[in-house]
Amino acid sequence: MTARTMETAPQTPVLQLTDGTDWFTVCELSRLIPGRGIAALLPDGRQVALFVDRAGRAYAIDNRDPFTGAYVLSRGLVGSVEGRAFVASPLLKQRFDLATGACLDDDEVRVPVFAVRAA
């Protein structure tokens, strides 16, 4: 009888969000493509829009467009201005900073952001 070594499959990196106390897995990091967003449903029923930029930085913001109430920000156009990554709503085109949630077109409006990490 020969000894066999147990090999484990390499783990796929995942994207995790926090609710302020615990981290939870949202999706595999490989599902995110620079320049495109995806939507995810959180355990509490909220929707988030997930993005990754060309440098590999991940972002998570609320998926709800505060101007229309539609859950569409994950389908927005991704770009950058002055080094700030943003998503433009696909409906009325307001731009939201992916790091802070601030609307770049209206100082009084912002969307919630979520802390993310790759694990």
PDB file of N, CA and C in Angstrom:
ATOM      1  N   MET A   1       0.835  -1.150   0.000  1.00  0.00           N
ATOM      2  CA  MET A   1       0.000   0.000   0.000  1.00  0.00           C
ATOM      3  C   MET A   1       0.897   1.237   0.000  1.00  0.00           C
ATOM      4  N   THR A   2       0.581   2.184  -0.836  1.00  0.00           N
ATOM      5  CA  THR A   2       1.378   3.408  -0.892  1.00  0.00           C
ATOM      6  C   THR A   2       0.649   4.541  -0.187  1.00  0.00           C
ATOM      7  N   ALA A   3       1.451   5.436   0.359  1.00  0.00           N
ATOM      8  CA  ALA A   3       0.864   6.592   1.053  1.00  0.00           C
ATOM      9  C   ALA A   3       0.430   7.627   0.020  1.00  0.00           C
ATOM     10  N   ARG A   4      -0.695   8.185   0.227  1.00  0.00           N
ATOM     11  CA  ARG A   4      -1.200   9.222  -0.677  1.00  0.00           C
ATOM     12  C   ARG A   4      -1.301  10.529   0.098  1.00  0.00           C
ATOM     13  N   THR A   5      -0.941  11.573  -0.566  1.00  0.00           N
ATOM     14  CA  THR A   5      -1.107  12.878   0.064  1.00  0.00           C
ATOM     15  C   THR A   5      -2.456  13.437  -0.359  1.00  0.00           C
ATOM     16  N   MET A   6      -3.071  14.028   0.569  1.00  0.00           N
ATOM     17  CA  MET A   6      -4.373  14.609   0.293  1.00  0.00           C
ATOM     18  C   MET A   6      -4.170  15.983  -0.318  1.00  0.00           C
ATOM     19  N   GLU A   7      -4.657  16.195  -1.511  1.00  0.00           N
ATOM     20  CA  GLU A   7      -4.548  17.496  -2.159  1.00  0.00           C
ATOM     21  C   GLU A   7      -5.906  18.174  -2.126  1.00  0.00           C
ATOM     22  N   THR A   8      -5.869  19.415  -1.800  1.00  0.00           N
ATOM     23  CA  THR A   8      -7.110  20.166  -1.811  1.00  0.00           C
ATOM     24  C   THR A   8      -7.115  21.083  -3.023  1.00  0.00           C
ATOM     25  N   ALA A   9      -8.280  21.290  -3.558  1.00  0.00           N
ATOM     26  CA  ALA A   9      -8.406  22.178  -4.707  1.00  0.00           C
ATOM     27  C   ALA A   9      -8.125  23.608  -4.253  1.00  0.00           C
ATOM     28  N   PRO A  10      -7.447  24.374  -5.093  1.00  0.00           N
ATOM     29  CA  PRO A  10      -7.195  25.763  -4.725  1.00  0.00           C
ATOM     30  C   PRO A  10      -8.527  26.508  -4.570  1.00  0.00           C
ATOM     31  N   GLN A  11      -8.585  27.356  -3.568  1.00  0.00           N
ATOM     32  CA  GLN A  11      -9.808  28.108  -3.337  1.00  0.00           C
ATOM     33  C   GLN A  11      -9.906  29.271  -4.311  1.00  0.00           C
ATOM     34  N   THR A  12     -11.107  29.476  -4.794  1.00  0.00           N
ATOM     35  CA  THR A  12     -11.376  30.594  -5.677  1.00  0.00           C
ATOM     36  C   THR A  12     -11.579  31.842  -4.826  1.00  0.00           C
ATOM     37  N   PRO A  13     -10.887  32.947  -5.141  1.00  0.00           N
ATOM     38  CA  PRO A  13     -11.105  34.169  -4.359  1.00  0.00           C
ATOM     39  C   PRO A  13     -12.563  34.619  -4.443  1.00  0.00           C
ATOM     40  N   VAL A  14     -13.082  35.080  -3.329  1.00  0.00           N
ATOM     41  CA  VAL A  14     -14.462  35.546  -3.273  1.00  0.00           C
ATOM     42  C   VAL A  14     -14.500  36.996  -2.810  1.00  0.00           C
ATOM     43  N   LEU A  15     -15.582  37.663  -3.131  1.00  0.00           N
ATOM     44  CA  LEU A  15     -15.806  39.023  -2.678  1.00  0.00           C
ATOM     45  C   LEU A  15     -16.711  38.959  -1.463  1.00  0.00           C
ATOM     46  N   GLN A  16     -16.308  39.648  -0.407  1.00  0.00           N
ATOM     47  CA  GLN A  16     -17.089  39.672   0.818  1.00  0.00           C
ATOM     48  C   GLN A  16     -17.478  41.098   1.171  1.00  0.00           C
ATOM     49  N   LEU A  17     -18.657  41.240   1.780  1.00  0.00           N
ATOM     50  CA  LEU A  17     -19.153  42.513   2.289  1.00  0.00           C
ATOM     51  C   LEU A  17     -19.330  42.386   3.787  1.00  0.00           C
ATOM     52  N   THR A  18     -19.409  43.521   4.459  1.00  0.00           N
ATOM     53  CA  THR A  18     -19.667  43.497   5.888  1.00  0.00           C
ATOM     54  C   THR A  18     -20.921  44.301   6.203  1.00  0.00           C
ATOM     55  N   ASP A  19     -21.637  43.856   7.219  1.00  0.00           N
ATOM     56  CA  ASP A  19     -22.788  44.602   7.716  1.00  0.00           C
ATOM     57  C   ASP A  19     -22.392  45.448   8.917  1.00  0.00           C
ATOM     58  N   GLY A  20     -21.106  45.533   9.168  1.00  0.00           N
ATOM     59  CA  GLY A  20     -20.590  46.280  10.308  1.00  0.00           C
ATOM     60  C   GLY A  20     -20.094  45.378  11.422  1.00  0.00           C
ATOM     61  N   THR A  21     -20.564  44.150  11.446  1.00  0.00           N
ATOM     62  CA  THR A  21     -20.113  43.211  12.473  1.00  0.00           C
ATOM     63  C   THR A  21     -19.514  41.946  11.869  1.00  0.00           C
ATOM     64  N   ASP A  22     -20.163  41.384  10.873  1.00  0.00           N
ATOM     65  CA  ASP A  22     -19.691  40.142  10.255  1.00  0.00           C
ATOM     66  C   ASP A  22     -19.442  40.342   8.767  1.00  0.00           C
ATOM     67  N   TRP A  23     -18.502  39.557   8.247  1.00  0.00           N
ATOM     68  CA  TRP A  23     -18.253  39.526   6.805  1.00  0.00           C
ATOM     69  C   TRP A  23     -19.018  38.361   6.218  1.00  0.00           C
ATOM     70  N   PHE A  24     -19.584  38.538   5.020  1.00  0.00           N
ATOM     71  CA  PHE A  24     -20.245  37.428   4.350  1.00  0.00           C
ATOM     72  C   PHE A  24     -19.904  37.451   2.868  1.00  0.00           C
ATOM     73  N   THR A  25     -19.866  36.265   2.294  1.00  0.00           N
ATOM     74  CA  THR A  25     -19.501  36.109   0.891  1.00  0.00           C
ATOM     75  C   THR A  25     -20.671  36.489  -0.002  1.00  0.00           C
ATOM     76  N   VAL A  26     -20.362  37.275  -1.046  1.00  0.00           N
ATOM     77  CA  VAL A  26     -21.389  37.707  -1.988  1.00  0.00           C
ATOM     78  C   VAL A  26     -21.272  36.955  -3.307  1.00  0.00           C
ATOM     79  N   CYS A  27     -20.055  36.835  -3.839  1.00  0.00           N
ATOM     80  CA  CYS A  27     -19.862  36.133  -5.106  1.00  0.00           C
ATOM     81  C   CYS A  27     -18.377  35.827  -5.287  1.00  0.00           C
ATOM     82  N   GLU A  28     -18.087  35.004  -6.292  1.00  0.00           N
ATOM     83  CA  GLU A  28     -16.698  34.758  -6.656  1.00  0.00           C
ATOM     84  C   GLU A  28     -16.160  36.019  -7.321  1.00  0.00           C
ATOM     85  N   LEU A  29     -14.958  36.392  -6.969  1.00  0.00           N
ATOM     86  CA  LEU A  29     -14.338  37.592  -7.518  1.00  0.00           C
ATOM     87  C   LEU A  29     -14.225  37.515  -9.048  1.00  0.00           C
ATOM     88  N   SER A  30     -14.053  36.320  -9.580  1.00  0.00           N
ATOM     89  CA  SER A  30     -13.911  36.138 -11.023  1.00  0.00           C
ATOM     90  C   SER A  30     -15.174  36.507 -11.799  1.00  0.00           C
ATOM     91  N   ARG A  31     -16.313  36.632 -11.125  1.00  0.00           N
ATOM     92  CA  ARG A  31     -17.562  37.017 -11.802  1.00  0.00           C
ATOM     93  C   ARG A  31     -17.588  38.504 -12.156  1.00  0.00           C
ATOM     94  N   LEU A  32     -16.705  39.280 -11.524  1.00  0.00           N
ATOM     95  CA  LEU A  32     -16.660  40.717 -11.792  1.00  0.00           C
ATOM     96  C   LEU A  32     -15.698  41.013 -12.928  1.00  0.00           C
ATOM     97  N   ILE A  33     -16.173  41.778 -13.889  1.00  0.00           N
ATOM     98  CA  ILE A  33     -15.390  42.155 -15.060  1.00  0.00           C
ATOM     99  C   ILE A  33     -15.207  43.672 -15.032  1.00  0.00           C
ATOM    100  N   PRO A  34     -13.963  44.163 -15.156  1.00  0.00           N
ATOM    101  CA  PRO A  34     -13.772  45.620 -15.155  1.00  0.00           C
ATOM    102  C   PRO A  34     -14.682  46.298 -16.174  1.00  0.00           C
ATOM    103  N   GLY A  35     -15.323  47.380 -15.738  1.00  0.00           N
ATOM    104  CA  GLY A  35     -16.197  48.127 -16.626  1.00  0.00           C
ATOM    105  C   GLY A  35     -17.644  47.664 -16.625  1.00  0.00           C
ATOM    106  N   ARG A  36     -17.934  46.588 -15.895  1.00  0.00           N
ATOM    107  CA  ARG A  36     -19.303  46.069 -15.831  1.00  0.00           C
ATOM    108  C   ARG A  36     -19.678  45.795 -14.393  1.00  0.00           C
ATOM    109  N   GLY A  37     -20.912  46.020 -14.061  1.00  0.00           N
ATOM    110  CA  GLY A  37     -21.389  45.752 -12.714  1.00  0.00           C
ATOM    111  C   GLY A  37     -22.290  44.530 -12.683  1.00  0.00           C
ATOM    112  N   ILE A  38     -22.466  43.987 -11.500  1.00  0.00           N
ATOM    113  CA  ILE A  38     -23.461  42.940 -11.291  1.00  0.00           C
ATOM    114  C   ILE A  38     -24.236  43.283 -10.026  1.00  0.00           C
ATOM    115  N   ALA A  39     -25.443  42.798  -9.949  1.00  0.00           N
ATOM    116  CA  ALA A  39     -26.279  43.026  -8.773  1.00  0.00           C
ATOM    117  C   ALA A  39     -26.252  41.780  -7.906  1.00  0.00           C
ATOM    118  N   ALA A  40     -26.340  41.995  -6.601  1.00  0.00           N
ATOM    119  CA  ALA A  40     -26.405  40.883  -5.647  1.00  0.00           C
ATOM    120  C   ALA A  40     -27.461  41.213  -4.605  1.00  0.00           C
ATOM    121  N   LEU A  41     -28.136  40.181  -4.135  1.00  0.00           N
ATOM    122  CA  LEU A  41     -29.147  40.327  -3.104  1.00  0.00           C
ATOM    123  C   LEU A  41     -28.525  39.956  -1.764  1.00  0.00           C
ATOM    124  N   LEU A  42     -28.612  40.853  -0.801  1.00  0.00           N
ATOM    125  CA  LEU A  42     -28.056  40.610   0.526  1.00  0.00           C
ATOM    126  C   LEU A  42     -29.054  39.825   1.376  1.00  0.00           C
ATOM    127  N   PRO A  43     -28.563  39.167   2.440  1.00  0.00           N
ATOM    128  CA  PRO A  43     -29.469  38.381   3.290  1.00  0.00           C
ATOM    129  C   PRO A  43     -30.634  39.179   3.865  1.00  0.00           C
ATOM    130  N   ASP A  44     -30.457  40.491   4.062  1.00  0.00           N
ATOM    131  CA  ASP A  44     -31.547  41.296   4.624  1.00  0.00           C
ATOM    132  C   ASP A  44     -32.501  41.835   3.555  1.00  0.00           C
ATOM    133  N   GLY A  45     -32.295  41.428   2.296  1.00  0.00           N
ATOM    134  CA  GLY A  45     -33.192  41.823   1.212  1.00  0.00           C
ATOM    135  C   GLY A  45     -32.737  43.025   0.410  1.00  0.00           C
ATOM    136  N   ARG A  46     -31.688  43.729   0.852  1.00  0.00           N
ATOM    137  CA  ARG A  46     -31.172  44.864   0.084  1.00  0.00           C
ATOM    138  C   ARG A  46     -30.440  44.371  -1.152  1.00  0.00           C
ATOM    139  N   GLN A  47     -30.382  45.239  -2.169  1.00  0.00           N
ATOM    140  CA  GLN A  47     -29.619  44.945  -3.374  1.00  0.00           C
ATOM    141  C   GLN A  47     -28.367  45.816  -3.404  1.00  0.00           C
ATOM    142  N   VAL A  48     -27.258  45.217  -3.815  1.00  0.00           N
ATOM    143  CA  VAL A  48     -26.031  45.984  -3.994  1.00  0.00           C
ATOM    144  C   VAL A  48     -25.569  45.839  -5.437  1.00  0.00           C
ATOM    145  N   ALA A  49     -24.847  46.849  -5.895  1.00  0.00           N
ATOM    146  CA  ALA A  49     -24.209  46.824  -7.204  1.00  0.00           C
ATOM    147  C   ALA A  49     -22.718  46.631  -6.956  1.00  0.00           C
ATOM    148  N   LEU A  50     -22.133  45.623  -7.578  1.00  0.00           N
ATOM    149  CA  LEU A  50     -20.725  45.277  -7.374  1.00  0.00           C
ATOM    150  C   LEU A  50     -19.926  45.616  -8.620  1.00  0.00           C
ATOM    151  N   PHE A  51     -18.743  46.163  -8.407  1.00  0.00           N
ATOM    152  CA  PHE A  51     -17.873  46.561  -9.512  1.00  0.00           C
ATOM    153  C   PHE A  51     -16.432  46.245  -9.158  1.00  0.00           C
ATOM    154  N   VAL A  52     -15.601  46.089 -10.172  1.00  0.00           N
ATOM    155  CA  VAL A  52     -14.158  46.016  -9.996  1.00  0.00           C
ATOM    156  C   VAL A  52     -13.544  46.885 -11.088  1.00  0.00           C
ATOM    157  N   ASP A  53     -12.523  47.664 -10.717  1.00  0.00           N
ATOM    158  CA  ASP A  53     -11.887  48.510 -11.724  1.00  0.00           C
ATOM    159  C   ASP A  53     -10.719  47.768 -12.365  1.00  0.00           C
ATOM    160  N   ARG A  54     -10.090  48.400 -13.311  1.00  0.00           N
ATOM    161  CA  ARG A  54      -8.998  47.739 -14.057  1.00  0.00           C
ATOM    162  C   ARG A  54      -7.789  47.451 -13.181  1.00  0.00           C
ATOM    163  N   ALA A  55      -7.659  48.158 -12.058  1.00  0.00           N
ATOM    164  CA  ALA A  55      -6.559  47.905 -11.121  1.00  0.00           C
ATOM    165  C   ALA A  55      -6.903  46.771 -10.146  1.00  0.00           C
ATOM    166  N   GLY A  56      -8.124  46.241 -10.237  1.00  0.00           N
ATOM    167  CA  GLY A  56      -8.521  45.134  -9.376  1.00  0.00           C
ATOM    168  C   GLY A  56      -9.188  45.543  -8.075  1.00  0.00           C
ATOM    169  N   ARG A  57      -9.437  46.850  -7.880  1.00  0.00           N
ATOM    170  CA  ARG A  57     -10.131  47.314  -6.681  1.00  0.00           C
ATOM    171  C   ARG A  57     -11.618  47.030  -6.820  1.00  0.00           C
ATOM    172  N   ALA A  58     -12.193  46.471  -5.770  1.00  0.00           N
ATOM    173  CA  ALA A  58     -13.615  46.132  -5.781  1.00  0.00           C
ATOM    174  C   ALA A  58     -14.413  47.204  -5.048  1.00  0.00           C
ATOM    175  N   TYR A  59     -15.643  47.402  -5.499  1.00  0.00           N
ATOM    176  CA  TYR A  59     -16.550  48.385  -4.917  1.00  0.00           C
ATOM    177  C   TYR A  59     -17.940  47.768  -4.771  1.00  0.00           C
ATOM    178  N   ALA A  60     -18.663  48.229  -3.764  1.00  0.00           N
ATOM    179  CA  ALA A  60     -20.060  47.824  -3.585  1.00  0.00           C
ATOM    180  C   ALA A  60     -20.862  49.042  -3.140  1.00  0.00           C
ATOM    181  N   ILE A  61     -21.886  49.358  -3.904  1.00  0.00           N
ATOM    182  CA  ILE A  61     -22.778  50.456  -3.560  1.00  0.00           C
ATOM    183  C   ILE A  61     -24.212  49.941  -3.625  1.00  0.00           C
ATOM    184  N   ASP A  62     -25.120  50.694  -3.032  1.00  0.00           N
ATOM    185  CA  ASP A  62     -26.528  50.336  -3.126  1.00  0.00           C
ATOM    186  C   ASP A  62     -26.937  50.336  -4.602  1.00  0.00           C
ATOM    187  N   ASN A  63     -27.764  49.396  -4.991  1.00  0.00           N
ATOM    188  CA  ASN A  63     -28.168  49.280  -6.391  1.00  0.00           C
ATOM    189  C   ASN A  63     -29.312  50.226  -6.765  1.00  0.00           C
ATOM    190  N   ARG A  64     -29.898  50.893  -5.779  1.00  0.00           N
ATOM    191  CA  ARG A  64     -31.059  51.752  -6.030  1.00  0.00           C
ATOM    192  C   ARG A  64     -30.631  53.151  -6.474  1.00  0.00           C
ATOM    193  N   ASP A  65     -31.122  53.573  -7.618  1.00  0.00           N
ATOM    194  CA  ASP A  65     -30.895  54.925  -8.120  1.00  0.00           C
ATOM    195  C   ASP A  65     -31.781  55.868  -7.301  1.00  0.00           C
ATOM    196  N   PRO A  66     -31.195  56.785  -6.520  1.00  0.00           N
ATOM    197  CA  PRO A  66     -32.011  57.652  -5.664  1.00  0.00           C
ATOM    198  C   PRO A  66     -32.870  58.651  -6.438  1.00  0.00           C
ATOM    199  N   PHE A  67     -32.581  58.885  -7.708  1.00  0.00           N
ATOM    200  CA  PHE A  67     -33.359  59.840  -8.490  1.00  0.00           C
ATOM    201  C   PHE A  67     -34.638  59.227  -9.058  1.00  0.00           C
ATOM    202  N   THR A  68     -34.622  57.929  -9.336  1.00  0.00           N
ATOM    203  CA  THR A  68     -35.792  57.277  -9.937  1.00  0.00           C
ATOM    204  C   THR A  68     -36.407  56.211  -9.036  1.00  0.00           C
ATOM    205  N   GLY A  69     -35.634  55.708  -8.068  1.00  0.00           N
ATOM    206  CA  GLY A  69     -36.107  54.619  -7.224  1.00  0.00           C
ATOM    207  C   GLY A  69     -35.929  53.250  -7.845  1.00  0.00           C
ATOM    208  N   ALA A  70     -35.423  53.184  -9.059  1.00  0.00           N
ATOM    209  CA  ALA A  70     -35.222  51.912  -9.751  1.00  0.00           C
ATOM    210  C   ALA A  70     -33.907  51.270  -9.308  1.00  0.00           C
ATOM    211  N   TYR A  71     -33.901  49.954  -9.239  1.00  0.00           N
ATOM    212  CA  TYR A  71     -32.705  49.199  -8.850  1.00  0.00           C
ATOM    213  C   TYR A  71     -31.891  48.868 -10.102  1.00  0.00           C
ATOM    214  N   VAL A  72     -31.101  49.846 -10.559  1.00  0.00           N
ATOM    215  CA  VAL A  72     -30.440  49.729 -11.857  1.00  0.00           C
ATOM    216  C   VAL A  72     -28.967  50.123 -11.879  1.00  0.00           C
ATOM    217  N   LEU A  73     -28.394  50.576 -10.774  1.00  0.00           N
ATOM    218  CA  LEU A  73     -27.022  51.097 -10.834  1.00  0.00           C
ATOM    219  C   LEU A  73     -26.013  50.051 -11.293  1.00  0.00           C
ATOM    220  N   SER A  74     -26.285  48.770 -11.042  1.00  0.00           N
ATOM    221  CA  SER A  74     -25.364  47.725 -11.504  1.00  0.00           C
ATOM    222  C   SER A  74     -25.283  47.679 -13.026  1.00  0.00           C
ATOM    223  N   ARG A  75     -26.248  48.247 -13.709  1.00  0.00           N
ATOM    224  CA  ARG A  75     -26.289  48.268 -15.182  1.00  0.00           C
ATOM    225  C   ARG A  75     -25.757  49.573 -15.763  1.00  0.00           C
ATOM    226  N   GLY A  76     -25.225  50.438 -14.892  1.00  0.00           N
ATOM    227  CA  GLY A  76     -24.755  51.742 -15.338  1.00  0.00           C
ATOM    228  C   GLY A  76     -23.431  51.701 -16.071  1.00  0.00           C
ATOM    229  N   LEU A  77     -23.079  52.838 -16.622  1.00  0.00           N
ATOM    230  CA  LEU A  77     -21.818  52.998 -17.338  1.00  0.00           C
ATOM    231  C   LEU A  77     -20.723  53.334 -16.339  1.00  0.00           C
ATOM    232  N   VAL A  78     -19.615  52.606 -16.392  1.00  0.00           N
ATOM    233  CA  VAL A  78     -18.505  52.801 -15.460  1.00  0.00           C
ATOM    234  C   VAL A  78     -17.438  53.656 -16.124  1.00  0.00           C
ATOM    235  N   GLY A  79     -16.902  54.590 -15.358  1.00  0.00           N
ATOM    236  CA  GLY A  79     -15.851  55.451 -15.880  1.00  0.00           C
ATOM    237  C   GLY A  79     -15.047  56.041 -14.743  1.00  0.00           C
ATOM    238  N   SER A  80     -14.248  57.045 -15.054  1.00  0.00           N
ATOM    239  CA  SER A  80     -13.501  57.740 -14.013  1.00  0.00           C
ATOM    240  C   SER A  80     -13.331  59.193 -14.431  1.00  0.00           C
ATOM    241  N   VAL A  81     -13.260  60.038 -13.413  1.00  0.00           N
ATOM    242  CA  VAL A  81     -13.024  61.452 -13.625  1.00  0.00           C
ATOM    243  C   VAL A  81     -12.086  61.905 -12.515  1.00  0.00           C
ATOM    244  N   GLU A  82     -10.999  62.545 -12.895  1.00  0.00           N
ATOM    245  CA  GLU A  82      -9.993  63.013 -11.943  1.00  0.00           C
ATOM    246  C   GLU A  82      -9.559  61.902 -10.997  1.00  0.00           C
ATOM    247  N   GLY A  83      -9.405  60.699 -11.512  1.00  0.00           N
ATOM    248  CA  GLY A  83      -8.945  59.568 -10.719  1.00  0.00           C
ATOM    249  C   GLY A  83      -9.994  58.923  -9.846  1.00  0.00           C
ATOM    250  N   ARG A  84     -11.241  59.372  -9.931  1.00  0.00           N
ATOM    251  CA  ARG A  84     -12.324  58.817  -9.124  1.00  0.00           C
ATOM    252  C   ARG A  84     -13.178  57.897  -9.995  1.00  0.00           C
ATOM    253  N   ALA A  85     -13.291  56.635  -9.587  1.00  0.00           N
ATOM    254  CA  ALA A  85     -14.144  55.695 -10.311  1.00  0.00           C
ATOM    255  C   ALA A  85     -15.598  56.030 -10.016  1.00  0.00           C
ATOM    256  N   PHE A  86     -16.438  55.970 -11.046  1.00  0.00           N
ATOM    257  CA  PHE A  86     -17.860  56.249 -10.863  1.00  0.00           C
ATOM    258  C   PHE A  86     -18.701  55.315 -11.722  1.00  0.00           C
ATOM    259  N   VAL A  87     -19.988  55.261 -11.398  1.00  0.00           N
ATOM    260  CA  VAL A  87     -20.964  54.609 -12.254  1.00  0.00           C
ATOM    261  C   VAL A  87     -22.025  55.650 -12.568  1.00  0.00           C
ATOM    262  N   ALA A  88     -22.413  55.728 -13.842  1.00  0.00           N
ATOM    263  CA  ALA A  88     -23.488  56.632 -14.258  1.00  0.00           C
ATOM    264  C   ALA A  88     -24.769  55.822 -14.371  1.00  0.00           C
ATOM    265  N   SER A  89     -25.809  56.313 -13.745  1.00  0.00           N
ATOM    266  CA  SER A  89     -27.090  55.629 -13.803  1.00  0.00           C
ATOM    267  C   SER A  89     -27.509  55.426 -15.259  1.00  0.00           C
ATOM    268  N   PRO A  90     -28.011  54.247 -15.602  1.00  0.00           N
ATOM    269  CA  PRO A  90     -28.436  54.024 -16.984  1.00  0.00           C
ATOM    270  C   PRO A  90     -29.716  54.789 -17.347  1.00  0.00           C
ATOM    271  N   LEU A  91     -30.403  55.339 -16.352  1.00  0.00           N
ATOM    272  CA  LEU A  91     -31.656  56.043 -16.635  1.00  0.00           C
ATOM    273  C   LEU A  91     -31.445  57.530 -16.876  1.00  0.00           C
ATOM    274  N   LEU A  92     -31.015  58.263 -15.865  1.00  0.00           N
ATOM    275  CA  LEU A  92     -30.884  59.711 -16.007  1.00  0.00           C
ATOM    276  C   LEU A  92     -29.432  60.179 -16.065  1.00  0.00           C
ATOM    277  N   LYS A  93     -28.502  59.243 -15.969  1.00  0.00           N
ATOM    278  CA  LYS A  93     -27.057  59.480 -16.166  1.00  0.00           C
ATOM    279  C   LYS A  93     -26.339  60.209 -15.036  1.00  0.00           C
ATOM    280  N   GLN A  94     -26.964  60.380 -13.857  1.00  0.00           N
ATOM    281  CA  GLN A  94     -26.210  60.950 -12.751  1.00  0.00           C
ATOM    282  C   GLN A  94     -25.082  59.995 -12.388  1.00  0.00           C
ATOM    283  N   ARG A  95     -23.921  60.562 -12.014  1.00  0.00           N
ATOM    284  CA  ARG A  95     -22.734  59.764 -11.708  1.00  0.00           C
ATOM    285  C   ARG A  95     -22.550  59.649 -10.204  1.00  0.00           C
ATOM    286  N   PHE A  96     -22.201  58.425  -9.756  1.00  0.00           N
ATOM    287  CA  PHE A  96     -21.982  58.156  -8.341  1.00  0.00           C
ATOM    288  C   PHE A  96     -20.577  57.625  -8.131  1.00  0.00           C
ATOM    289  N   ASP A  97     -19.841  58.276  -7.224  1.00  0.00           N
ATOM    290  CA  ASP A  97     -18.490  57.859  -6.876  1.00  0.00           C
ATOM    291  C   ASP A  97     -18.569  56.459  -6.253  1.00  0.00           C
ATOM    292  N   LEU A  98     -17.819  55.515  -6.788  1.00  0.00           N
ATOM    293  CA  LEU A  98     -17.888  54.134  -6.298  1.00  0.00           C
ATOM    294  C   LEU A  98     -17.259  53.968  -4.918  1.00  0.00           C
ATOM    295  N   ALA A  99     -16.348  54.850  -4.538  1.00  0.00           N
ATOM    296  CA  ALA A  99     -15.695  54.729  -3.229  1.00  0.00           C
ATOM    297  C   ALA A  99     -16.506  55.383  -2.114  1.00  0.00           C
ATOM    298  N   THR A 100     -17.187  56.478  -2.424  1.00  0.00           N
ATOM    299  CA  THR A 100     -17.884  57.227  -1.372  1.00  0.00           C
ATOM    300  C   THR A 100     -19.401  57.214  -1.502  1.00  0.00           C
ATOM    301  N   GLY A 101     -19.913  56.923  -2.686  1.00  0.00           N
ATOM    302  CA  GLY A 101     -21.351  56.963  -2.930  1.00  0.00           C
ATOM    303  C   GLY A 101     -21.875  58.349  -3.253  1.00  0.00           C
ATOM    304  N   ALA A 102     -21.013  59.370  -3.207  1.00  0.00           N
ATOM    305  CA  ALA A 102     -21.439  60.740  -3.477  1.00  0.00           C
ATOM    306  C   ALA A 102     -21.838  60.900  -4.937  1.00  0.00           C
ATOM    307  N   CYS A 103     -22.920  61.630  -5.157  1.00  0.00           N
ATOM    308  CA  CYS A 103     -23.333  61.950  -6.514  1.00  0.00           C
ATOM    309  C   CYS A 103     -22.427  63.067  -7.023  1.00  0.00           C
ATOM    310  N   LEU A 104     -21.799  62.862  -8.160  1.00  0.00           N
ATOM    311  CA  LEU A 104     -20.890  63.857  -8.713  1.00  0.00           C
ATOM    312  C   LEU A 104     -21.631  64.989  -9.403  1.00  0.00           C
ATOM    313  N   ASP A 105     -22.947  64.829  -9.562  1.00  0.00           N
ATOM    314  CA  ASP A 105     -23.746  65.827 -10.252  1.00  0.00           C
ATOM    315  C   ASP A 105     -24.715  66.570  -9.335  1.00  0.00           C
ATOM    316  N   ASP A 106     -24.798  66.163  -8.076  1.00  0.00           N
ATOM    317  CA  ASP A 106     -25.689  66.806  -7.114  1.00  0.00           C
ATOM    318  C   ASP A 106     -25.101  66.565  -5.724  1.00  0.00           C
ATOM    319  N   ASP A 107     -24.516  67.597  -5.120  1.00  0.00           N
ATOM    320  CA  ASP A 107     -23.819  67.471  -3.839  1.00  0.00           C
ATOM    321  C   ASP A 107     -24.703  66.990  -2.692  1.00  0.00           C
ATOM    322  N   GLU A 108     -25.998  67.092  -2.822  1.00  0.00           N
ATOM    323  CA  GLU A 108     -26.901  66.718  -1.736  1.00  0.00           C
ATOM    324  C   GLU A 108     -27.345  65.264  -1.779  1.00  0.00           C
ATOM    325  N   VAL A 109     -26.933  64.517  -2.806  1.00  0.00           N
ATOM    326  CA  VAL A 109     -27.399  63.139  -2.979  1.00  0.00           C
ATOM    327  C   VAL A 109     -26.221  62.179  -2.896  1.00  0.00           C
ATOM    328  N   ARG A 110     -26.468  61.026  -2.282  1.00  0.00           N
ATOM    329  CA  ARG A 110     -25.457  59.967  -2.234  1.00  0.00           C
ATOM    330  C   ARG A 110     -26.163  58.631  -2.090  1.00  0.00           C
ATOM    331  N   VAL A 111     -25.467  57.572  -2.422  1.00  0.00           N
ATOM    332  CA  VAL A 111     -25.973  56.221  -2.230  1.00  0.00           C
ATOM    333  C   VAL A 111     -25.089  55.535  -1.177  1.00  0.00           C
ATOM    334  N   PRO A 112     -25.666  54.613  -0.411  1.00  0.00           N
ATOM    335  CA  PRO A 112     -24.854  53.889   0.571  1.00  0.00           C
ATOM    336  C   PRO A 112     -23.753  53.075  -0.101  1.00  0.00           C
ATOM    337  N   VAL A 113     -22.600  53.008   0.557  1.00  0.00           N
ATOM    338  CA  VAL A 113     -21.494  52.170   0.100  1.00  0.00           C
ATOM    339  C   VAL A 113     -21.265  51.070   1.136  1.00  0.00           C
ATOM    340  N   PHE A 114     -20.651  49.988   0.727  1.00  0.00           N
ATOM    341  CA  PHE A 114     -20.380  48.855   1.597  1.00  0.00           C
ATOM    342  C   PHE A 114     -18.894  48.556   1.557  1.00  0.00           C
ATOM    343  N   ALA A 115     -18.324  48.236   2.718  1.00  0.00           N
ATOM    344  CA  ALA A 115     -16.921  47.819   2.765  1.00  0.00           C
ATOM    345  C   ALA A 115     -16.809  46.452   2.113  1.00  0.00           C
ATOM    346  N   VAL A 116     -15.786  46.267   1.292  1.00  0.00           N
ATOM    347  CA  VAL A 116     -15.570  45.005   0.584  1.00  0.00           C
ATOM    348  C   VAL A 116     -14.154  44.511   0.813  1.00  0.00           C
ATOM    349  N   ARG A 117     -13.987  43.205   0.632  1.00  0.00           N
ATOM    350  CA  ARG A 117     -12.645  42.634   0.654  1.00  0.00           C
ATOM    351  C   ARG A 117     -12.650  41.354  -0.166  1.00  0.00           C
ATOM    352  N   ALA A 118     -11.491  41.026  -0.695  1.00  0.00           N
ATOM    353  CA  ALA A 118     -11.318  39.761  -1.397  1.00  0.00           C
ATOM    354  C   ALA A 118     -10.732  38.772  -0.406  1.00  0.00           C
ATOM    355  N   ALA A 119     -11.292  37.595  -0.376  1.00  0.00           N
ATOM    356  CA  ALA A 119     -10.804  36.583   0.572  1.00  0.00           C
ATOM    357  C   ALA A 119     -10.576  35.267  -0.161  1.00  0.00           C
TER     358      ALA A 119
END
